[in-house]
C-alpha atoms as a PDB file:
ATOM      1  CA  MET A   1      26.065 -81.869 -44.955  1.00  0.00           C
ATOM      2  CA  GLN A   2      28.049 -84.525 -46.804  1.00  0.00           C
ATOM      3  CA  TYR A   3      27.935 -84.987 -50.566  1.00  0.00           C
ATOM      4  CA  THR A   4      27.400 -88.729 -50.991  1.00  0.00           C
ATOM      5  CA  PRO A   5      27.213 -89.817 -54.641  1.00  0.00           C
ATOM      6  CA  LYS A   6      27.620 -93.447 -53.581  1.00  0.00           C
ATOM      7  CA  PHE A   7      25.241 -94.705 -50.910  1.00  0.00           C
ATOM      8  CA  SER A   8      27.692 -97.514 -50.150  1.00  0.00           C
ATOM      9  CA  GLU A   9      30.076 -94.916 -48.675  1.00  0.00           C
ATOM     10  CA  ILE A  10      27.852 -94.393 -45.637  1.00  0.00           C
ATOM     11  CA  ALA A  11      25.646 -97.508 -45.595  1.00  0.00           C
ATOM     12  CA  ASP A  12      27.618 -99.191 -42.807  1.00  0.00           C
ATOM     13  CA  ARG A  13      26.629 -96.373 -40.427  1.00  0.00           C
ATOM     14  CA  TYR A  14      23.032 -97.607 -40.467  1.00  0.00           C
ATOM     15  CA  ASP A  15      21.089-100.795 -39.828  1.00  0.00           C
ATOM     16  CA  ALA A  16      17.695 -99.818 -41.286  1.00  0.00           C
ATOM     17  CA  VAL A  17      16.272 -97.465 -43.917  1.00  0.00           C
ATOM     18  CA  LEU A  18      12.991 -95.607 -44.368  1.00  0.00           C
ATOM     19  CA  SER A  19      12.804 -94.613 -48.037  1.00  0.00           C
ATOM     20  CA  ASP A  20      10.437 -92.366 -49.910  1.00  0.00           C
ATOM     21  CA  VAL A  21       8.943 -93.672 -53.177  1.00  0.00           C
ATOM     22  CA  TRP A  22       8.097 -90.865 -55.635  1.00  0.00           C
ATOM     23  CA  GLY A  23      11.221 -88.904 -56.477  1.00  0.00           C
ATOM     24  CA  VAL A  24      13.543 -91.570 -55.068  1.00  0.00           C
ATOM     25  CA  ILE A  25      12.797 -94.999 -56.555  1.00  0.00           C
ATOM     26  CA  ARG A  26      10.304 -93.883 -59.205  1.00  0.00           C
ATOM     27  CA  ASP A  27       9.696 -90.635 -61.058  1.00  0.00           C
ATOM     28  CA  GLY A  28       6.001 -91.153 -61.681  1.00  0.00           C
ATOM     29  CA  HIS A  29       6.450 -92.671 -65.136  1.00  0.00           C
ATOM     30  CA  ALA A  30       9.037 -95.358 -64.411  1.00  0.00           C
ATOM     31  CA  MET A  31      11.102 -97.069 -61.746  1.00  0.00           C
ATOM     32  CA  LEU A  32      14.637 -95.760 -61.168  1.00  0.00           C
ATOM     33  CA  PRO A  33      16.833 -98.896 -61.364  1.00  0.00           C
ATOM     34  CA  ASP A  34      19.896 -97.447 -59.618  1.00  0.00           C
ATOM     35  CA  ALA A  35      17.852 -96.430 -56.596  1.00  0.00           C
ATOM     36  CA  VAL A  36      16.073 -99.774 -56.403  1.00  0.00           C
ATOM     37  CA  ASP A  37      19.440-101.520 -56.631  1.00  0.00           C
ATOM     38  CA  ALA A  38      20.795 -99.370 -53.790  1.00  0.00           C
ATOM     39  CA  LEU A  39      17.938-100.385 -51.503  1.00  0.00           C
ATOM     40  CA  ARG A  40      18.336-104.029 -52.470  1.00  0.00           C
ATOM     41  CA  ARG A  41      22.055-103.970 -51.689  1.00  0.00           C
ATOM     42  CA  PHE A  42      21.461-102.261 -48.354  1.00  0.00           C
ATOM     43  CA  ARG A  43      18.859-104.866 -47.454  1.00  0.00           C
ATOM     44  CA  GLU A  44      21.236-107.684 -48.415  1.00  0.00           C
ATOM     45  CA  THR A  45      24.202-106.338 -46.469  1.00  0.00           C
ATOM     46  CA  ARG A  46      22.837-104.172 -43.644  1.00  0.00           C
ATOM     47  CA  GLY A  47      19.206-104.496 -42.610  1.00  0.00           C
ATOM     48  CA  PRO A  48      15.517-103.939 -43.346  1.00  0.00           C
ATOM     49  CA  VAL A  49      14.111-101.336 -45.719  1.00  0.00           C
ATOM     50  CA  ILE A  50      10.630 -99.860 -45.335  1.00  0.00           C
ATOM     51  CA  LEU A  51       9.082 -97.653 -48.014  1.00  0.00           C
ATOM     52  CA  ILE A  52       7.335 -94.670 -46.421  1.00  0.00           C
ATOM     53  CA  SER A  53       5.111 -92.846 -48.891  1.00  0.00           C
ATOM     54  CA  ASN A  54       2.662 -89.971 -48.777  1.00  0.00           C
ATOM     55  CA  SER A  55       0.503 -91.747 -51.323  1.00  0.00           C
ATOM     56  CA  PRO A  56      -3.174 -91.432 -50.350  1.00  0.00           C
ATOM     57  CA  GLN A  57      -3.672 -95.074 -51.234  1.00  0.00           C
ATOM     58  CA  PRO A  58      -3.300 -97.910 -48.713  1.00  0.00           C
ATOM     59  CA  ALA A  59      -0.060 -99.894 -48.807  1.00  0.00           C
ATOM     60  CA  PRO A  60      -1.422-102.949 -50.695  1.00  0.00           C
ATOM     61  CA  ARG A  61      -2.456-100.747 -53.621  1.00  0.00           C
ATOM     62  CA  VAL A  62       0.927 -98.987 -53.722  1.00  0.00           C
ATOM     63  CA  ALA A  63       2.654-102.380 -53.659  1.00  0.00           C
ATOM     64  CA  ALA A  64       0.520-103.502 -56.602  1.00  0.00           C
ATOM     65  CA  GLN A  65       1.354-100.328 -58.545  1.00  0.00           C
ATOM     66  CA  LEU A  66       5.084-100.823 -58.015  1.00  0.00           C
ATOM     67  CA  LYS A  67       4.799-104.434 -59.132  1.00  0.00           C
ATOM     68  CA  GLU A  68       2.927-103.351 -62.268  1.00  0.00           C
ATOM     69  CA  MET A  69       5.841-100.998 -63.010  1.00  0.00           C
ATOM     70  CA  GLY A  70       8.308-103.871 -62.798  1.00  0.00           C
ATOM     71  CA  ALA A  71       9.593-103.357 -59.261  1.00  0.00           C
ATOM     72  CA  PRO A  72      11.313-106.393 -57.711  1.00  0.00           C
ATOM     73  CA  ASP A  73      10.082-108.051 -54.550  1.00  0.00           C
ATOM     74  CA  ASP A  74      13.460-108.236 -52.808  1.00  0.00           C
ATOM     75  CA  ALA A  75      14.425-104.576 -52.362  1.00  0.00           C
ATOM     76  CA  TRP A  76      12.268-103.742 -49.337  1.00  0.00           C
ATOM     77  CA  ASP A  77      10.506-105.425 -46.439  1.00  0.00           C
ATOM     78  CA  GLY A  78       7.294-103.440 -46.269  1.00  0.00           C
ATOM     79  CA  ILE A  79       5.388-100.296 -47.190  1.00  0.00           C
ATOM     80  CA  VAL A  80       3.533 -97.735 -45.093  1.00  0.00           C
ATOM     81  CA  THR A  81       1.548 -94.884 -46.606  1.00  0.00           C
ATOM     82  CA  SER A  82      -0.276 -91.726 -45.727  1.00  0.00           C
ATOM     83  CA  GLY A  83      -3.345 -93.601 -46.930  1.00  0.00           C
ATOM     84  CA  ASP A  84      -2.838 -96.078 -44.086  1.00  0.00           C
ATOM     85  CA  THR A  85      -2.663 -93.360 -41.443  1.00  0.00           C
ATOM     86  CA  THR A  86      -5.574 -91.518 -43.053  1.00  0.00           C
ATOM     87  CA  LEU A  87      -7.741 -94.605 -42.565  1.00  0.00           C
ATOM     88  CA  ALA A  88      -7.118 -94.353 -38.828  1.00  0.00           C
ATOM     89  CA  ALA A  89      -8.083 -90.671 -38.845  1.00  0.00           C
ATOM     90  CA  ILE A  90     -11.251 -91.412 -40.802  1.00  0.00           C
ATOM     91  CA  ARG A  91     -12.299 -94.089 -38.310  1.00  0.00           C
ATOM     92  CA  GLU A  92     -12.186 -91.460 -35.572  1.00  0.00           C
ATOM     93  CA  LEU A  93     -14.277 -89.002 -37.593  1.00  0.00           C
ATOM     94  CA  GLY A  94     -16.866 -91.603 -38.565  1.00  0.00           C
ATOM     95  CA  PRO A  95     -18.368 -92.872 -41.829  1.00  0.00           C
ATOM     96  CA  GLY A  96     -19.445 -89.501 -43.129  1.00  0.00           C
ATOM     97  CA  PRO A  97     -21.000 -88.863 -45.520  1.00  0.00           C
ATOM     98  CA  VAL A  98     -17.934 -87.224 -47.043  1.00  0.00           C
ATOM     99  CA  PHE A  99     -17.220 -84.926 -49.950  1.00  0.00           C
ATOM    100  CA  HIS A 100     -14.231 -86.069 -51.998  1.00  0.00           C
ATOM    101  CA  ILE A 101     -11.666 -83.811 -53.655  1.00  0.00           C
ATOM    102  CA  GLY A 102      -9.343 -85.780 -55.910  1.00  0.00           C
ATOM    103  CA  PRO A 103      -9.057 -87.698 -59.174  1.00  0.00           C
ATOM    104  CA  SER A 104     -12.112 -89.828 -59.826  1.00  0.00           C
ATOM    105  CA  GLY A 105     -11.450 -93.559 -59.669  1.00  0.00           C
ATOM    106  CA  TYR A 106      -7.724 -93.364 -58.929  1.00  0.00           C
ATOM    107  CA  ASP A 107      -8.093 -93.206 -55.160  1.00  0.00           C
ATOM    108  CA  ASP A 108     -11.085 -95.523 -54.803  1.00  0.00           C
ATOM    109  CA  ALA A 109      -9.002 -97.989 -52.768  1.00  0.00           C
ATOM    110  CA  LEU A 110      -8.950 -95.572 -49.847  1.00  0.00           C
ATOM    111  CA  PHE A 111     -12.737 -95.290 -49.854  1.00  0.00           C
ATOM    112  CA  GLU A 112     -13.188 -99.035 -50.199  1.00  0.00           C
ATOM    113  CA  HIS A 113     -11.007 -99.695 -47.158  1.00  0.00           C
ATOM    114  CA  ALA A 114     -12.758 -96.997 -45.116  1.00  0.00           C
ATOM    115  CA  ASP A 115     -16.298 -97.929 -46.220  1.00  0.00           C
ATOM    116  CA  LEU A 116     -17.140 -94.265 -46.715  1.00  0.00           C
ATOM    117  CA  GLN A 117     -20.332 -92.880 -48.162  1.00  0.00           C
ATOM    118  CA  ARG A 118     -19.724 -90.009 -50.583  1.00  0.00           C
ATOM    119  CA  ALA A 119     -22.069 -87.060 -50.849  1.00  0.00           C
ATOM    120  CA  PRO A 120     -22.345 -83.578 -52.366  1.00  0.00           C
ATOM    121  CA  LEU A 121     -20.642 -80.823 -50.416  1.00  0.00           C
ATOM    122  CA  GLU A 122     -23.974 -79.568 -49.061  1.00  0.00           C
ATOM    123  CA  ASP A 123     -24.650 -82.917 -47.354  1.00  0.00           C
ATOM    124  CA  ALA A 124     -21.129 -83.821 -46.214  1.00  0.00           C
ATOM    125  CA  ALA A 125     -19.969 -84.135 -42.605  1.00  0.00           C
ATOM    126  CA  TYR A 126     -16.347 -83.606 -43.615  1.00  0.00           C
ATOM    127  CA  VAL A 127     -14.071 -83.568 -46.663  1.00  0.00           C
ATOM    128  CA  VAL A 128     -11.466 -86.116 -47.753  1.00  0.00           C
ATOM    129  CA  CYS A 129      -8.844 -84.662 -50.093  1.00  0.00           C
ATOM    130  CA  THR A 130      -6.615 -87.096 -51.989  1.00  0.00           C
ATOM    131  CA  GLY A 131      -5.353 -84.635 -54.609  1.00  0.00           C
ATOM    132  CA  LEU A 132      -6.516 -82.184 -57.220  1.00  0.00           C
ATOM    133  CA  ASN A 133      -9.428 -83.432 -59.270  1.00  0.00           C
ATOM    134  CA  PHE A 134      -7.715 -83.985 -62.599  1.00  0.00           C
ATOM    135  CA  ASP A 135      -3.971 -84.446 -61.867  1.00  0.00           C
ATOM    136  CA  ARG A 136      -3.122 -82.113 -64.763  1.00  0.00           C
ATOM    137  CA  ARG A 137      -0.164 -79.802 -65.207  1.00  0.00           C
ATOM    138  CA  ASP A 138      -2.493 -76.863 -65.871  1.00  0.00           C
ATOM    139  CA  GLU A 139      -4.339 -77.245 -62.555  1.00  0.00           C
ATOM    140  CA  HIS A 140      -3.427 -74.946 -59.670  1.00  0.00           C
ATOM    141  CA  PRO A 141      -4.530 -74.856 -56.017  1.00  0.00           C
ATOM    142  CA  ASP A 142      -5.890 -71.331 -56.515  1.00  0.00           C
ATOM    143  CA  ASP A 143      -8.516 -72.864 -58.811  1.00  0.00           C
ATOM    144  CA  TYR A 144     -10.083 -74.337 -55.654  1.00  0.00           C
ATOM    145  CA  ARG A 145     -10.437 -71.153 -53.599  1.00  0.00           C
ATOM    146  CA  ASP A 146     -14.185 -70.874 -54.163  1.00  0.00           C
ATOM    147  CA  LEU A 147     -14.739 -74.507 -53.180  1.00  0.00           C
ATOM    148  CA  LEU A 148     -12.557 -74.135 -50.096  1.00  0.00           C
ATOM    149  CA  SER A 149     -14.444 -70.979 -49.120  1.00  0.00           C
ATOM    150  CA  ARG A 150     -17.718 -72.900 -49.221  1.00  0.00           C
ATOM    151  CA  MET A 151     -16.162 -75.653 -47.106  1.00  0.00           C
ATOM    152  CA  LYS A 152     -14.948 -73.064 -44.599  1.00  0.00           C
ATOM    153  CA  ALA A 153     -18.373 -71.426 -44.455  1.00  0.00           C
ATOM    154  CA  ARG A 154     -19.849 -74.777 -43.411  1.00  0.00           C
ATOM    155  CA  GLY A 155     -17.073 -75.425 -40.909  1.00  0.00           C
ATOM    156  CA  LEU A 156     -16.090 -78.701 -42.564  1.00  0.00           C
ATOM    157  CA  PRO A 157     -12.788 -80.283 -41.550  1.00  0.00           C
ATOM    158  CA  MET A 158     -10.538 -81.497 -44.367  1.00  0.00           C
ATOM    159  CA  VAL A 159      -8.782 -84.841 -44.050  1.00  0.00           C
ATOM    160  CA  CYS A 160      -5.672 -84.533 -46.225  1.00  0.00           C
ATOM    161  CA  ALA A 161      -4.644 -87.996 -47.409  1.00  0.00           C
ATOM    162  CA  ASN A 162      -1.419 -86.815 -49.081  1.00  0.00           C
ATOM    163  CA  PRO A 163       0.560 -84.034 -47.347  1.00  0.00           C
ATOM    164  CA  ASP A 164       2.921 -83.599 -50.323  1.00  0.00           C
ATOM    165  CA  ILE A 165       2.755 -80.139 -51.867  1.00  0.00           C
ATOM    166  CA  VAL A 166       4.048 -81.348 -55.239  1.00  0.00           C
ATOM    167  CA  VAL A 167       5.212 -84.679 -56.630  1.00  0.00           C
ATOM    168  CA  GLN A 168       7.667 -85.504 -59.393  1.00  0.00           C
ATOM    169  CA  TRP A 169       6.015 -86.891 -62.525  1.00  0.00           C
ATOM    170  CA  GLY A 170       8.700 -87.491 -65.113  1.00  0.00           C
ATOM    171  CA  ASP A 171      10.156 -84.063 -65.874  1.00  0.00           C
ATOM    172  CA  ASP A 172       7.110 -82.275 -64.461  1.00  0.00           C
ATOM    173  CA  LEU A 173       5.802 -81.439 -61.006  1.00  0.00           C
ATOM    174  CA  LEU A 174       2.139 -81.994 -60.171  1.00  0.00           C
ATOM    175  CA  TRP A 175       0.274 -80.330 -57.314  1.00  0.00           C
ATOM    176  CA  CYS A 176      -0.833 -82.646 -54.522  1.00  0.00           C
ATOM    177  CA  ALA A 177      -3.449 -82.639 -51.774  1.00  0.00           C
ATOM    178  CA  GLY A 178      -1.037 -80.986 -49.356  1.00  0.00           C
ATOM    179  CA  ALA A 179      -1.163 -77.815 -51.433  1.00  0.00           C
ATOM    180  CA  LEU A 180      -4.932 -77.609 -50.951  1.00  0.00           C
ATOM    181  CA  ALA A 181      -4.606 -78.394 -47.239  1.00  0.00           C
ATOM    182  CA  ARG A 182      -2.051 -75.601 -46.852  1.00  0.00           C
ATOM    183  CA  LEU A 183      -4.358 -73.183 -48.650  1.00  0.00           C
ATOM    184  CA  TYR A 184      -7.332 -74.271 -46.504  1.00  0.00           C
ATOM    185  CA  GLN A 185      -5.295 -73.817 -43.330  1.00  0.00           C
ATOM    186  CA  GLY A 186      -4.379 -70.322 -44.501  1.00  0.00           C
ATOM    187  CA  MET A 187      -8.088 -69.567 -44.830  1.00  0.00           C
ATOM    188  CA  GLY A 188      -8.652 -70.711 -41.247  1.00  0.00           C
ATOM    189  CA  GLY A 189     -10.037 -74.135 -42.127  1.00  0.00           C
ATOM    190  CA  ASP A 190      -9.505 -77.190 -39.939  1.00  0.00           C
ATOM    191  CA  THR A 191      -7.286 -79.926 -41.382  1.00  0.00           C
ATOM    192  CA  VAL A 192      -6.390 -83.453 -40.310  1.00  0.00           C
ATOM    193  CA  ILE A 193      -2.997 -84.560 -41.662  1.00  0.00           C
ATOM    194  CA  SER A 194      -1.160 -87.707 -40.552  1.00  0.00           C
ATOM    195  CA  GLY A 195       1.362 -88.495 -43.319  1.00  0.00           C
ATOM    196  CA  LYS A 196       4.933 -87.177 -43.510  1.00  0.00           C
ATOM    197  CA  PRO A 197       6.195 -85.119 -41.718  1.00  0.00           C
ATOM    198  CA  HIS A 198       3.768 -85.979 -38.914  1.00  0.00           C
ATOM    199  CA  ARG A 199       4.254 -88.535 -36.160  1.00  0.00           C
ATOM    200  CA  PRO A 200       1.577 -91.175 -37.029  1.00  0.00           C
ATOM    201  CA  ILE A 201       3.236 -92.369 -40.237  1.00  0.00           C
ATOM    202  CA  TYR A 202       6.630 -92.671 -38.533  1.00  0.00           C
ATOM    203  CA  GLU A 203       5.087 -94.698 -35.718  1.00  0.00           C
ATOM    204  CA  LEU A 204       3.626 -96.964 -38.388  1.00  0.00           C
ATOM    205  CA  ALA A 205       7.020 -97.199 -40.110  1.00  0.00           C
ATOM    206  CA  PHE A 206       8.782 -98.248 -36.912  1.00  0.00           C
ATOM    207  CA  GLU A 207       6.110-100.882 -36.324  1.00  0.00           C
ATOM    208  CA  ALA A 208       6.899-102.201 -39.813  1.00  0.00           C
ATOM    209  CA  LEU A 209      10.629-102.207 -38.999  1.00  0.00           C
ATOM    210  CA  ALA A 210       9.903-104.203 -35.849  1.00  0.00           C
ATOM    211  CA  ARG A 211       7.939-106.763 -37.860  1.00  0.00           C
ATOM    212  CA  ALA A 212      10.968-107.017 -40.153  1.00  0.00           C
ATOM    213  CA  GLY A 213      13.118-107.854 -37.133  1.00  0.00           C
ATOM    214  CA  TYR A 214      14.699-104.484 -36.364  1.00  0.00           C
ATOM    215  CA  ARG A 215      15.383-103.942 -32.662  1.00  0.00           C
ATOM    216  CA  GLY A 216      18.115-101.298 -32.893  1.00  0.00           C
ATOM    217  CA  GLU A 217      18.375 -97.652 -31.953  1.00  0.00           C
ATOM    218  CA  ARG A 218      16.786 -94.812 -33.902  1.00  0.00           C
ATOM    219  CA  SER A 219      20.252 -93.381 -34.436  1.00  0.00           C
ATOM    220  CA  ARG A 220      20.922 -96.352 -36.729  1.00  0.00           C
ATOM    221  CA  VAL A 221      17.889 -95.640 -38.937  1.00  0.00           C
ATOM    222  CA  LEU A 222      18.345 -93.478 -42.052  1.00  0.00           C
ATOM    223  CA  THR A 223      15.569 -91.734 -43.945  1.00  0.00           C
ATOM    224  CA  ILE A 224      15.845 -91.114 -47.693  1.00  0.00           C
ATOM    225  CA  GLY A 225      13.680 -88.653 -49.579  1.00  0.00           C
ATOM    226  CA  ASP A 226      13.383 -85.695 -51.930  1.00  0.00           C
ATOM    227  CA  GLY A 227      10.819 -83.605 -50.044  1.00  0.00           C
ATOM    228  CA  PRO A 228      12.160 -80.836 -47.773  1.00  0.00           C
ATOM    229  CA  GLU A 229       8.777 -80.201 -46.147  1.00  0.00           C
ATOM    230  CA  THR A 230       7.925 -83.879 -45.743  1.00  0.00           C
ATOM    231  CA  ASP A 231      10.894 -86.266 -45.786  1.00  0.00           C
ATOM    232  CA  LEU A 232      13.518 -83.955 -44.302  1.00  0.00           C
ATOM    233  CA  ALA A 233      11.200 -82.215 -41.851  1.00  0.00           C
ATOM    234  CA  GLY A 234       9.807 -85.583 -40.769  1.00  0.00           C
ATOM    235  CA  ALA A 235      13.285 -86.973 -40.199  1.00  0.00           C
ATOM    236  CA  GLU A 236      14.206 -83.962 -38.083  1.00  0.00           C
ATOM    237  CA  ARG A 237      11.050 -84.218 -35.980  1.00  0.00           C
ATOM    238  CA  SER A 238      11.664 -87.942 -35.451  1.00  0.00           C
ATOM    239  CA  GLY A 239      15.336 -87.542 -34.577  1.00  0.00           C
ATOM    240  CA  LEU A 240      16.578 -89.386 -37.669  1.00  0.00           C
ATOM    241  CA  ASP A 241      19.413 -88.705 -40.091  1.00  0.00           C
ATOM    242  CA  ALA A 242      18.270 -87.738 -43.589  1.00  0.00           C
ATOM    243  CA  PHE A 243      19.655 -88.485 -47.049  1.00  0.00           C
ATOM    244  CA  PHE A 244      18.366 -85.831 -49.465  1.00  0.00           C
ATOM    245  CA  VAL A 245      17.827 -86.788 -53.114  1.00  0.00           C
ATOM    246  CA  ALA A 246      18.366 -83.409 -54.763  1.00  0.00           C
ATOM    247  CA  GLY A 247      17.294 -84.565 -58.220  1.00  0.00           C
ATOM    248  CA  GLY A 248      13.686 -85.068 -57.105  1.00  0.00           C
ATOM    249  CA  ILE A 249      11.210 -82.248 -56.669  1.00  0.00           C
ATOM    250  CA  LEU A 250      13.961 -79.621 -56.282  1.00  0.00           C
ATOM    251  CA  GLY A 251      15.847 -80.847 -59.344  1.00  0.00           C
ATOM    252  CA  GLY A 252      14.557 -77.937 -61.405  1.00  0.00           C
ATOM    253  CA  ASP A 253      15.862 -75.426 -58.854  1.00  0.00           C
ATOM    254  CA  LEU A 254      19.344 -76.878 -58.399  1.00  0.00           C
ATOM    255  CA  ASP A 255      22.198 -77.217 -60.879  1.00  0.00           C
ATOM    256  CA  LEU A 256      22.680 -80.970 -61.002  1.00  0.00           C
ATOM    257  CA  GLU A 257      25.664 -80.825 -63.344  1.00  0.00           C
ATOM    258  CA  THR A 258      27.913 -79.819 -60.460  1.00  0.00           C
ATOM    259  CA  PHE A 259      27.436 -80.140 -56.724  1.00  0.00           C
ATOM    260  CA  ASN A 260      27.209 -76.836 -54.880  1.00  0.00           C
ATOM    261  CA  GLU A 261      26.848 -77.376 -51.149  1.00  0.00           C
ATOM    262  CA  ASP A 262      25.970 -73.737 -50.508  1.00  0.00           C
ATOM    263  CA  ALA A 263      23.195 -73.841 -53.115  1.00  0.00           C
ATOM    264  CA  VAL A 264      21.671 -76.965 -51.560  1.00  0.00           C
ATOM    265  CA  ARG A 265      21.984 -75.540 -48.062  1.00  0.00           C
ATOM    266  CA  ASP A 266      20.357 -72.269 -49.152  1.00  0.00           C
ATOM    267  CA  ALA A 267      17.545 -74.116 -50.931  1.00  0.00           C
ATOM    268  CA  LEU A 268      16.770 -76.218 -47.864  1.00  0.00           C
ATOM    269  CA  ARG A 269      17.043 -73.211 -45.561  1.00  0.00           C
ATOM    270  CA  GLU A 270      14.062 -71.699 -47.371  1.00  0.00           C
ATOM    271  CA  TYR A 271      12.053 -74.655 -46.059  1.00  0.00           C
ATOM    272  CA  GLY A 272      13.545 -74.429 -42.584  1.00  0.00           C
ATOM    273  CA  THR A 273      15.221 -77.808 -42.792  1.00  0.00           C
ATOM    274  CA  GLY A 274      18.477 -79.561 -43.656  1.00  0.00           C
ATOM    275  CA  CYS A 275      20.029 -82.977 -44.158  1.00  0.00           C
ATOM    276  CA  ARG A 276      23.098 -85.003 -43.236  1.00  0.00           C
ATOM    277  CA  TYR A 277      23.750 -86.410 -46.723  1.00  0.00           C
ATOM    278  CA  VAL A 278      22.906 -85.259 -50.227  1.00  0.00           C
ATOM    279  CA  ALA A 279      23.222 -86.701 -53.725  1.00  0.00           C
ATOM    280  CA  HIS A 280      21.617 -86.052 -57.086  1.00  0.00           C
ATOM    281  CA  GLN A 281      20.129 -89.553 -57.108  1.00  0.00           C
ATOM    282  CA  LEU A 282      20.258 -92.624 -54.924  1.00  0.00           C
ATOM    283  CA  LYS A 283      22.973 -94.962 -56.219  1.00  0.00           C
ATOM    284  CA  TRP A 284      24.933 -97.693 -54.510  1.00  0.00           C
END
């Protein structure tokens, strides 16, 4: 593990980047200018940048959200999302009808792209989970145990459109769909998950790199993210080097005033993963 406060110190070792969104270039409330600048500079001097997000929304909607937040259009070459890979999974399962768990209205883009018919739980063929219903700090996955038990009793598979367990939202952490999927799996329920750290989203990301002109080796591709169970685990499974942004979802667990390699290593060991580089934030 190498402490790398300046991304420029190691940028010339790589020719392409796969970067997470939440916790790296935005914190939920706002864009993080230093991180955006780092990606822009890499793209100008080294090679293509693809954003790889566990957002349950398809890439065009995520691109529109970033633009609304003031993101530039010259810091990356493309976006792939868990929403994109979820669409492929839904096509295999069929049009439903489906029961939706997630915030009303916010994730409609996924349903519009999939042309899904929604229904009450009693009439559903399967469940699509995009998050907790209200995206509030006082919500907890345990609040959904009764609902998940009823799903399990009917033998309904859950399509998890966002494998993240939590996401950074300003100074807070919000539970994500992955937390419900993990709980459902623990109850013996069937789940379908294709975002990070699973293979489908990385296959999609490498297709995006190819469209951007990348023809190099995987050893020259760097992943950047703040999620041990998603970004770092996905990098390891895909044979990629990982740059860990410690100030993201683990920022509350680590002392960011000073760098303590042992503390970071111990924190990541709890998740069964590691990284090649680490910094508090992504900066050029």
